[in-house]
Amino acid sequence: MLEKLRTNLVRLGPALLRQPVKLTPFALKRKVLEQVLGWQFRQALEEGELDFLEGRWLSIEVRDIGLQWFTSLQDNQLVVREQANADVSFIADANDLLMVAARKQDPDTLFFQRRLVIEGDTELGLYVKNLMDAIELDAMPKPLRVLLLQLAGFVEAGLENAPAIKQTSVGETC
């Protein structure tokens, strides 16, 4: 019974978030995203590892919850905008991005399964993907790391109980 509930939440959870995300003003989303990105990439910013984003725009689209934002580096800070001309775009579903962030899924695997779409400047996309690969969980602020790992564990357990969800690719539904 618990496994079935977990499987349904993993499958339907992002859809449940779609309406609240849609109704949330972008100013609030921007504030949250800038705060989380600042925490997550603090060390990379200090070490100049994000300098390749200076004056360039990365689009992130979380397809299943209808969330998209653009981020760039300005004055050694990550900034988030609602609209920009993206140099490169990363498009995936929430569960897949969560699993990549928690280091439980490889972005290359998702790319070749067509569950992670990367469009635009190939070199910039490779820098971003390599940065995602290089993030150490231990470098994350503890509250963020704990939340991320708990959510990823929940999703992973739900996926194990519903293998068909793992095979979903761009444009397909469960």
N, C-alpha and C. Protein backbone atom coordinates (compact mmCIF):
# COMPACT_ATOMS: atom_id res chain seq x y z
N MET A 1 0.83 -1.20 0.00
CA MET A 1 0.00 0.00 0.00
C MET A 1 0.88 1.26 0.00
N LEU A 2 1.89 1.27 0.88
CA LEU A 2 2.79 2.42 0.96
C LEU A 2 3.57 2.59 -0.33
N GLU A 3 4.01 1.47 -0.94
CA GLU A 3 4.76 1.56 -2.19
C GLU A 3 3.89 2.15 -3.30
N LYS A 4 2.62 1.76 -3.34
CA LYS A 4 1.72 2.27 -4.37
C LYS A 4 1.49 3.77 -4.19
N LEU A 5 1.32 4.20 -2.95
CA LEU A 5 1.15 5.62 -2.67
C LEU A 5 2.40 6.40 -3.09
N ARG A 6 3.56 5.88 -2.74
CA ARG A 6 4.82 6.54 -3.09
C ARG A 6 4.97 6.62 -4.60
N THR A 7 4.66 5.52 -5.30
CA THR A 7 4.76 5.49 -6.75
C THR A 7 3.84 6.53 -7.37
N ASN A 8 2.61 6.63 -6.87
CA ASN A 8 1.67 7.62 -7.39
C ASN A 8 2.14 9.04 -7.11
N LEU A 9 2.68 9.28 -5.94
CA LEU A 9 3.20 10.62 -5.62
C LEU A 9 4.38 10.98 -6.51
N VAL A 10 5.27 10.02 -6.77
CA VAL A 10 6.42 10.29 -7.64
C VAL A 10 5.93 10.64 -9.04
N ARG A 11 4.92 9.92 -9.49
CA ARG A 11 4.40 10.13 -10.84
C ARG A 11 3.57 11.41 -10.93
N LEU A 12 2.74 11.65 -9.91
CA LEU A 12 1.80 12.76 -9.96
C LEU A 12 2.29 14.01 -9.23
N GLY A 13 3.30 13.87 -8.39
CA GLY A 13 3.79 14.99 -7.59
C GLY A 13 4.09 16.24 -8.40
N PRO A 14 4.89 16.11 -9.48
CA PRO A 14 5.16 17.31 -10.27
C PRO A 14 3.89 17.96 -10.83
N ALA A 15 2.92 17.15 -11.23
CA ALA A 15 1.66 17.72 -11.75
C ALA A 15 0.93 18.51 -10.66
N LEU A 16 1.04 18.05 -9.42
CA LEU A 16 0.41 18.76 -8.31
C LEU A 16 1.08 20.11 -8.05
N LEU A 17 2.35 20.21 -8.39
CA LEU A 17 3.09 21.46 -8.20
C LEU A 17 2.86 22.46 -9.32
N ARG A 18 2.37 21.99 -10.44
CA ARG A 18 2.24 22.84 -11.63
C ARG A 18 1.40 24.09 -11.36
N GLN A 19 0.24 23.95 -10.75
CA GLN A 19 -0.65 25.11 -10.52
C GLN A 19 -0.04 26.10 -9.51
N PRO A 20 0.45 25.63 -8.35
CA PRO A 20 1.08 26.61 -7.45
C PRO A 20 2.27 27.33 -8.09
N VAL A 21 3.06 26.62 -8.88
CA VAL A 21 4.20 27.25 -9.56
C VAL A 21 3.71 28.30 -10.54
N LYS A 22 2.65 27.96 -11.26
CA LYS A 22 2.07 28.90 -12.23
C LYS A 22 1.54 30.16 -11.56
N LEU A 23 0.94 30.00 -10.37
CA LEU A 23 0.32 31.13 -9.68
C LEU A 23 1.31 31.98 -8.88
N THR A 24 2.49 31.45 -8.61
CA THR A 24 3.49 32.18 -7.82
C THR A 24 4.11 33.28 -8.68
N PRO A 25 4.11 34.51 -8.19
CA PRO A 25 4.72 35.60 -8.95
C PRO A 25 6.20 35.32 -9.21
N PHE A 26 6.67 35.72 -10.39
CA PHE A 26 8.06 35.42 -10.73
C PHE A 26 9.04 36.11 -9.78
N ALA A 27 8.69 37.26 -9.25
CA ALA A 27 9.58 37.95 -8.31
C ALA A 27 9.91 37.05 -7.12
N LEU A 28 8.94 36.31 -6.63
CA LEU A 28 9.16 35.38 -5.52
C LEU A 28 9.99 34.18 -5.98
N LYS A 29 9.66 33.64 -7.16
CA LYS A 29 10.45 32.53 -7.70
C LYS A 29 11.91 32.95 -7.87
N ARG A 30 12.11 34.17 -8.40
CA ARG A 30 13.47 34.66 -8.62
C ARG A 30 14.24 34.74 -7.31
N LYS A 31 13.60 35.27 -6.29
CA LYS A 31 14.25 35.39 -4.98
C LYS A 31 14.68 34.02 -4.44
N VAL A 32 13.77 33.04 -4.52
CA VAL A 32 14.07 31.69 -4.03
C VAL A 32 15.17 31.06 -4.87
N LEU A 33 15.05 31.16 -6.19
CA LEU A 33 16.06 30.56 -7.07
C LEU A 33 17.44 31.19 -6.85
N GLU A 34 17.51 32.51 -6.76
CA GLU A 34 18.80 33.16 -6.54
C GLU A 34 19.40 32.75 -5.21
N GLN A 35 18.57 32.61 -4.18
CA GLN A 35 19.06 32.20 -2.87
C GLN A 35 19.62 30.77 -2.92
N VAL A 36 18.84 29.85 -3.49
CA VAL A 36 19.26 28.45 -3.56
C VAL A 36 20.50 28.30 -4.45
N LEU A 37 20.50 28.96 -5.60
CA LEU A 37 21.67 28.89 -6.49
C LEU A 37 22.90 29.49 -5.81
N GLY A 38 22.70 30.58 -5.09
CA GLY A 38 23.82 31.20 -4.36
C GLY A 38 24.40 30.26 -3.32
N TRP A 39 23.53 29.57 -2.58
CA TRP A 39 24.00 28.60 -1.58
C TRP A 39 24.74 27.47 -2.27
N GLN A 40 24.08 26.92 -3.31
CA GLN A 40 24.62 25.74 -3.97
C GLN A 40 25.97 26.01 -4.63
N PHE A 41 26.12 27.15 -5.26
CA PHE A 41 27.31 27.42 -6.05
C PHE A 41 28.25 28.42 -5.40
N ARG A 42 28.12 28.62 -4.10
CA ARG A 42 28.96 29.58 -3.39
C ARG A 42 30.44 29.31 -3.61
N GLN A 43 30.86 28.07 -3.40
CA GLN A 43 32.27 27.72 -3.56
C GLN A 43 32.72 27.87 -5.01
N ALA A 44 31.90 27.44 -5.95
CA ALA A 44 32.24 27.56 -7.37
C ALA A 44 32.38 29.04 -7.76
N LEU A 45 31.52 29.89 -7.21
CA LEU A 45 31.62 31.32 -7.48
C LEU A 45 32.92 31.89 -6.92
N GLU A 46 33.25 31.51 -5.69
CA GLU A 46 34.47 31.99 -5.04
C GLU A 46 35.72 31.57 -5.82
N GLU A 47 35.68 30.38 -6.41
CA GLU A 47 36.84 29.85 -7.13
C GLU A 47 36.84 30.21 -8.61
N GLY A 48 35.86 31.00 -9.05
CA GLY A 48 35.81 31.44 -10.44
C GLY A 48 35.37 30.36 -11.43
N GLU A 49 34.79 29.29 -10.93
CA GLU A 49 34.40 28.18 -11.80
C GLU A 49 33.17 28.50 -12.64
N LEU A 50 32.48 29.59 -12.34
CA LEU A 50 31.30 29.96 -13.12
C LEU A 50 31.55 31.16 -14.03
N ASP A 51 32.80 31.57 -14.15
CA ASP A 51 33.12 32.72 -14.98
C ASP A 51 32.69 32.54 -16.44
N PHE A 52 32.60 31.29 -16.89
CA PHE A 52 32.17 31.02 -18.27
C PHE A 52 30.74 31.49 -18.53
N LEU A 53 29.96 31.76 -17.47
CA LEU A 53 28.58 32.23 -17.63
C LEU A 53 28.47 33.75 -17.70
N GLU A 54 29.56 34.44 -17.47
CA GLU A 54 29.54 35.92 -17.49
C GLU A 54 29.02 36.40 -18.84
N GLY A 55 27.91 37.14 -18.80
CA GLY A 55 27.33 37.70 -20.01
C GLY A 55 26.64 36.68 -20.91
N ARG A 56 26.47 35.46 -20.46
CA ARG A 56 25.81 34.41 -21.23
C ARG A 56 24.62 33.91 -20.41
N TRP A 57 23.61 33.44 -21.10
CA TRP A 57 22.37 33.05 -20.43
C TRP A 57 22.09 31.56 -20.60
N LEU A 58 21.81 30.93 -19.47
CA LEU A 58 21.44 29.53 -19.41
C LEU A 58 19.96 29.46 -19.08
N SER A 59 19.21 28.74 -19.89
CA SER A 59 17.78 28.53 -19.64
C SER A 59 17.60 27.16 -19.01
N ILE A 60 16.85 27.12 -17.93
CA ILE A 60 16.48 25.86 -17.28
C ILE A 60 14.97 25.75 -17.36
N GLU A 61 14.50 24.65 -17.93
CA GLU A 61 13.06 24.43 -18.00
C GLU A 61 12.73 23.10 -17.33
N VAL A 62 11.90 23.18 -16.31
CA VAL A 62 11.41 21.99 -15.62
C VAL A 62 10.03 21.74 -16.25
N ARG A 63 10.07 20.93 -17.27
CA ARG A 63 8.94 20.74 -18.18
C ARG A 63 7.64 20.36 -17.48
N ASP A 64 7.67 19.38 -16.59
CA ASP A 64 6.42 18.85 -16.04
C ASP A 64 5.76 19.75 -15.00
N ILE A 65 6.49 20.73 -14.46
CA ILE A 65 5.84 21.65 -13.53
C ILE A 65 5.66 23.05 -14.13
N GLY A 66 6.09 23.21 -15.38
CA GLY A 66 5.89 24.48 -16.06
C GLY A 66 6.74 25.61 -15.50
N LEU A 67 7.95 25.28 -15.09
CA LEU A 67 8.85 26.30 -14.53
C LEU A 67 10.02 26.50 -15.48
N GLN A 68 10.28 27.74 -15.83
CA GLN A 68 11.45 28.08 -16.64
C GLN A 68 12.06 29.36 -16.12
N TRP A 69 13.37 29.38 -16.09
CA TRP A 69 14.07 30.61 -15.74
C TRP A 69 15.38 30.67 -16.51
N PHE A 70 15.96 31.86 -16.51
CA PHE A 70 17.23 32.11 -17.19
C PHE A 70 18.21 32.58 -16.14
N THR A 71 19.42 32.09 -16.19
CA THR A 71 20.41 32.51 -15.21
C THR A 71 21.71 32.86 -15.91
N SER A 72 22.42 33.80 -15.30
CA SER A 72 23.69 34.27 -15.82
C SER A 72 24.55 34.71 -14.64
N LEU A 73 25.77 35.06 -14.94
CA LEU A 73 26.68 35.58 -13.92
C LEU A 73 26.89 37.07 -14.17
N GLN A 74 26.63 37.87 -13.14
CA GLN A 74 26.85 39.31 -13.23
C GLN A 74 27.50 39.77 -11.93
N ASP A 75 28.63 40.43 -12.05
CA ASP A 75 29.36 40.92 -10.86
C ASP A 75 29.60 39.79 -9.87
N ASN A 76 30.00 38.65 -10.38
CA ASN A 76 30.32 37.46 -9.58
C ASN A 76 29.14 36.95 -8.75
N GLN A 77 27.93 37.20 -9.24
CA GLN A 77 26.73 36.67 -8.59
C GLN A 77 25.83 36.06 -9.66
N LEU A 78 25.18 34.95 -9.29
CA LEU A 78 24.21 34.35 -10.20
C LEU A 78 22.92 35.16 -10.14
N VAL A 79 22.43 35.53 -11.30
CA VAL A 79 21.19 36.28 -11.39
C VAL A 79 20.17 35.44 -12.15
N VAL A 80 18.91 35.64 -11.81
CA VAL A 80 17.81 34.90 -12.42
C VAL A 80 16.87 35.91 -13.07
N ARG A 81 16.45 35.60 -14.27
CA ARG A 81 15.50 36.44 -15.00
C ARG A 81 14.36 35.57 -15.52
N GLU A 82 13.24 36.22 -15.76
CA GLU A 82 12.09 35.52 -16.32
C GLU A 82 12.25 35.32 -17.82
N GLN A 83 12.90 36.26 -18.48
CA GLN A 83 13.10 36.22 -19.92
C GLN A 83 14.53 36.65 -20.26
N ALA A 84 15.11 35.99 -21.24
CA ALA A 84 16.42 36.37 -21.77
C ALA A 84 16.63 35.58 -23.06
N ASN A 85 17.62 35.97 -23.83
CA ASN A 85 18.00 35.19 -25.01
C ASN A 85 18.99 34.14 -24.55
N ALA A 86 18.52 32.89 -24.49
CA ALA A 86 19.35 31.81 -23.96
C ALA A 86 20.45 31.44 -24.94
N ASP A 87 21.66 31.28 -24.39
CA ASP A 87 22.77 30.75 -25.17
C ASP A 87 22.71 29.22 -25.19
N VAL A 88 22.21 28.64 -24.11
CA VAL A 88 22.03 27.20 -24.02
C VAL A 88 20.82 26.92 -23.14
N SER A 89 20.10 25.85 -23.45
CA SER A 89 18.90 25.47 -22.68
C SER A 89 19.01 24.04 -22.20
N PHE A 90 18.62 23.83 -20.95
CA PHE A 90 18.51 22.49 -20.36
C PHE A 90 17.04 22.28 -20.06
N ILE A 91 16.48 21.17 -20.57
CA ILE A 91 15.07 20.88 -20.40
C ILE A 91 14.93 19.45 -19.89
N ALA A 92 14.20 19.29 -18.79
CA ALA A 92 13.98 17.95 -18.23
C ALA A 92 12.79 18.03 -17.27
N ASP A 93 12.37 16.87 -16.80
CA ASP A 93 11.31 16.79 -15.80
C ASP A 93 11.90 16.95 -14.40
N ALA A 94 11.06 17.32 -13.46
CA ALA A 94 11.49 17.60 -12.09
C ALA A 94 12.20 16.42 -11.44
N ASN A 95 11.63 15.22 -11.55
CA ASN A 95 12.25 14.06 -10.91
C ASN A 95 13.65 13.80 -11.45
N ASP A 96 13.83 13.95 -12.76
CA ASP A 96 15.15 13.71 -13.34
C ASP A 96 16.16 14.75 -12.87
N LEU A 97 15.76 16.01 -12.84
CA LEU A 97 16.67 17.06 -12.36
C LEU A 97 17.01 16.86 -10.89
N LEU A 98 16.04 16.45 -10.11
CA LEU A 98 16.27 16.17 -8.70
C LEU A 98 17.29 15.05 -8.53
N MET A 99 17.15 13.99 -9.32
CA MET A 99 18.07 12.85 -9.23
C MET A 99 19.48 13.24 -9.68
N VAL A 100 19.60 14.12 -10.66
CA VAL A 100 20.92 14.60 -11.08
C VAL A 100 21.54 15.43 -9.96
N ALA A 101 20.75 16.32 -9.38
CA ALA A 101 21.27 17.18 -8.31
C ALA A 101 21.72 16.36 -7.10
N ALA A 102 21.05 15.25 -6.85
CA ALA A 102 21.39 14.39 -5.70
C ALA A 102 22.47 13.37 -6.06
N ARG A 103 22.99 13.45 -7.28
CA ARG A 103 24.06 12.55 -7.74
C ARG A 103 23.60 11.10 -7.81
N LYS A 104 22.32 10.89 -8.00
CA LYS A 104 21.76 9.53 -8.12
C LYS A 104 21.47 9.18 -9.58
N GLN A 105 21.69 10.12 -10.48
CA GLN A 105 21.49 9.90 -11.90
C GLN A 105 22.54 10.70 -12.65
N ASP A 106 23.06 10.13 -13.70
CA ASP A 106 24.09 10.77 -14.50
C ASP A 106 23.45 11.59 -15.62
N PRO A 107 23.83 12.86 -15.78
CA PRO A 107 23.22 13.67 -16.83
C PRO A 107 23.46 13.10 -18.23
N ASP A 108 24.61 12.45 -18.45
CA ASP A 108 24.87 11.85 -19.77
C ASP A 108 23.85 10.75 -20.07
N THR A 109 23.55 9.94 -19.07
CA THR A 109 22.57 8.86 -19.25
C THR A 109 21.21 9.46 -19.61
N LEU A 110 20.79 10.48 -18.88
CA LEU A 110 19.51 11.12 -19.17
C LEU A 110 19.51 11.74 -20.56
N PHE A 111 20.64 12.31 -20.96
CA PHE A 111 20.74 12.93 -22.29
C PHE A 111 20.55 11.87 -23.38
N PHE A 112 21.24 10.75 -23.24
CA PHE A 112 21.15 9.71 -24.26
C PHE A 112 19.81 8.99 -24.24
N GLN A 113 19.10 9.05 -23.12
CA GLN A 113 17.75 8.50 -23.05
C GLN A 113 16.70 9.53 -23.49
N ARG A 114 17.17 10.71 -23.89
CA ARG A 114 16.32 11.82 -24.33
C ARG A 114 15.42 12.34 -23.22
N ARG A 115 15.85 12.19 -21.98
CA ARG A 115 15.10 12.72 -20.84
C ARG A 115 15.68 14.05 -20.38
N LEU A 116 16.88 14.37 -20.84
CA LEU A 116 17.50 15.68 -20.63
C LEU A 116 17.83 16.22 -22.01
N VAL A 117 17.23 17.35 -22.35
CA VAL A 117 17.45 17.97 -23.65
C VAL A 117 18.37 19.17 -23.44
N ILE A 118 19.43 19.22 -24.23
CA ILE A 118 20.36 20.35 -24.19
C ILE A 118 20.39 20.95 -25.58
N GLU A 119 20.02 22.23 -25.67
CA GLU A 119 19.95 22.90 -26.97
C GLU A 119 20.77 24.18 -26.92
N GLY A 120 21.35 24.55 -28.05
CA GLY A 120 22.07 25.80 -28.15
C GLY A 120 23.56 25.60 -28.22
N ASP A 121 24.30 26.49 -27.59
CA ASP A 121 25.76 26.50 -27.63
C ASP A 121 26.31 25.22 -26.98
N THR A 122 26.84 24.34 -27.80
CA THR A 122 27.32 23.03 -27.33
C THR A 122 28.44 23.18 -26.32
N GLU A 123 29.37 24.08 -26.56
CA GLU A 123 30.51 24.26 -25.65
C GLU A 123 30.03 24.75 -24.28
N LEU A 124 29.13 25.72 -24.28
CA LEU A 124 28.59 26.22 -23.02
C LEU A 124 27.79 25.13 -22.31
N GLY A 125 27.00 24.36 -23.06
CA GLY A 125 26.25 23.26 -22.49
C GLY A 125 27.16 22.24 -21.83
N LEU A 126 28.31 21.98 -22.45
CA LEU A 126 29.27 21.03 -21.90
C LEU A 126 29.88 21.57 -20.60
N TYR A 127 30.18 22.86 -20.56
CA TYR A 127 30.69 23.47 -19.31
C TYR A 127 29.67 23.30 -18.18
N VAL A 128 28.40 23.57 -18.50
CA VAL A 128 27.34 23.47 -17.48
C VAL A 128 27.19 22.03 -17.02
N LYS A 129 27.16 21.10 -17.97
CA LYS A 129 27.01 19.68 -17.63
C LYS A 129 28.19 19.20 -16.78
N ASN A 130 29.40 19.61 -17.15
CA ASN A 130 30.58 19.23 -16.36
C ASN A 130 30.54 19.82 -14.97
N LEU A 131 30.03 21.03 -14.84
CA LEU A 131 29.88 21.64 -13.53
C LEU A 131 28.88 20.84 -12.69
N MET A 132 27.78 20.41 -13.31
CA MET A 132 26.80 19.59 -12.60
C MET A 132 27.45 18.30 -12.12
N ASP A 133 28.29 17.70 -12.97
CA ASP A 133 28.98 16.46 -12.61
C ASP A 133 29.97 16.66 -11.47
N ALA A 134 30.55 17.86 -11.38
CA ALA A 134 31.62 18.11 -10.41
C ALA A 134 31.12 18.54 -9.03
N ILE A 135 29.84 18.84 -8.92
CA ILE A 135 29.32 19.32 -7.63
C ILE A 135 29.42 18.21 -6.59
N GLU A 136 30.02 18.53 -5.49
CA GLU A 136 30.15 17.59 -4.38
C GLU A 136 29.00 17.82 -3.41
N LEU A 137 28.32 16.76 -3.07
CA LEU A 137 27.21 16.90 -2.12
C LEU A 137 27.67 17.48 -0.80
N ASP A 138 28.87 17.11 -0.37
CA ASP A 138 29.38 17.61 0.91
C ASP A 138 29.61 19.12 0.90
N ALA A 139 29.74 19.70 -0.29
CA ALA A 139 29.96 21.14 -0.39
C ALA A 139 28.65 21.93 -0.25
N MET A 140 27.52 21.23 -0.35
CA MET A 140 26.22 21.90 -0.22
C MET A 140 25.96 22.28 1.23
N PRO A 141 25.23 23.35 1.44
CA PRO A 141 24.78 23.64 2.80
C PRO A 141 23.99 22.44 3.33
N LYS A 142 24.21 22.09 4.59
CA LYS A 142 23.62 20.88 5.14
C LYS A 142 22.10 20.82 5.00
N PRO A 143 21.34 21.89 5.30
CA PRO A 143 19.88 21.79 5.16
C PRO A 143 19.45 21.48 3.71
N LEU A 144 20.13 22.09 2.76
CA LEU A 144 19.82 21.84 1.36
C LEU A 144 20.17 20.40 0.98
N ARG A 145 21.32 19.93 1.42
CA ARG A 145 21.77 18.57 1.12
C ARG A 145 20.82 17.53 1.72
N VAL A 146 20.41 17.72 2.96
CA VAL A 146 19.51 16.78 3.62
C VAL A 146 18.17 16.73 2.90
N LEU A 147 17.61 17.89 2.59
CA LEU A 147 16.33 17.94 1.87
C LEU A 147 16.46 17.28 0.50
N LEU A 148 17.50 17.60 -0.22
CA LEU A 148 17.73 17.03 -1.54
C LEU A 148 17.83 15.51 -1.49
N LEU A 149 18.60 15.00 -0.55
CA LEU A 149 18.78 13.55 -0.44
C LEU A 149 17.50 12.85 0.00
N GLN A 150 16.73 13.48 0.87
CA GLN A 150 15.46 12.88 1.28
C GLN A 150 14.48 12.82 0.11
N LEU A 151 14.37 13.91 -0.63
CA LEU A 151 13.48 13.93 -1.79
C LEU A 151 13.93 12.92 -2.84
N ALA A 152 15.24 12.87 -3.08
CA ALA A 152 15.77 11.93 -4.08
C ALA A 152 15.54 10.48 -3.64
N GLY A 153 15.68 10.20 -2.36
CA GLY A 153 15.42 8.85 -1.87
C GLY A 153 13.97 8.48 -2.06
N PHE A 154 13.08 9.42 -1.81
CA PHE A 154 11.65 9.20 -2.00
C PHE A 154 11.35 8.91 -3.47
N VAL A 155 11.90 9.73 -4.36
CA VAL A 155 11.68 9.55 -5.80
C VAL A 155 12.29 8.22 -6.27
N GLU A 156 13.49 7.93 -5.81
CA GLU A 156 14.17 6.70 -6.21
C GLU A 156 13.35 5.47 -5.80
N ALA A 157 12.83 5.48 -4.58
CA ALA A 157 12.01 4.35 -4.12
C ALA A 157 10.74 4.24 -4.96
N GLY A 158 10.14 5.36 -5.31
CA GLY A 158 8.95 5.33 -6.15
C GLY A 158 9.24 4.83 -7.55
N LEU A 159 10.40 5.21 -8.09
CA LEU A 159 10.79 4.75 -9.42
C LEU A 159 11.07 3.25 -9.44
N GLU A 160 11.65 2.75 -8.35
CA GLU A 160 11.93 1.32 -8.28
C GLU A 160 10.64 0.50 -8.29
N ASN A 161 9.58 1.08 -7.77
CA ASN A 161 8.29 0.40 -7.72
C ASN A 161 7.46 0.62 -8.98
N ALA A 162 7.95 1.48 -9.87
CA ALA A 162 7.23 1.76 -11.12
C ALA A 162 8.24 1.92 -12.24
N PRO A 163 8.85 0.84 -12.73
CA PRO A 163 9.89 0.93 -13.76
C PRO A 163 9.45 1.66 -15.01
N ALA A 164 8.18 1.67 -15.32
CA ALA A 164 7.71 2.36 -16.53
C ALA A 164 7.99 3.85 -16.46
N ILE A 165 8.01 4.42 -15.26
CA ILE A 165 8.28 5.85 -15.11
C ILE A 165 9.70 6.16 -15.56
N LYS A 166 10.65 5.28 -15.27
CA LYS A 166 12.05 5.51 -15.62
C LYS A 166 12.22 5.63 -17.13
N GLN A 167 11.40 4.96 -17.90
CA GLN A 167 11.59 4.90 -19.33
C GLN A 167 10.90 6.05 -20.07
N THR A 168 10.19 6.91 -19.37
CA THR A 168 9.51 8.02 -20.01
C THR A 168 10.53 8.93 -20.66
N SER A 169 10.30 9.31 -21.90
CA SER A 169 11.21 10.22 -22.58
C SER A 169 10.44 11.45 -23.03
N VAL A 170 11.13 12.38 -23.67
CA VAL A 170 10.55 13.63 -24.07
C VAL A 170 9.30 13.38 -24.90
N GLY A 171 8.21 14.05 -24.51
CA GLY A 171 6.97 13.95 -25.25
C GLY A 171 6.10 12.77 -24.88
N GLU A 172 6.56 11.88 -24.04
CA GLU A 172 5.76 10.73 -23.65
C GLU A 172 5.15 10.97 -22.28
N THR A 173 4.06 10.28 -22.00
CA THR A 173 3.46 10.34 -20.68
C THR A 173 3.35 8.93 -20.13
N CYS A 174 3.16 8.83 -18.84
CA CYS A 174 3.06 7.51 -18.21
C CYS A 174 1.72 6.88 -18.45
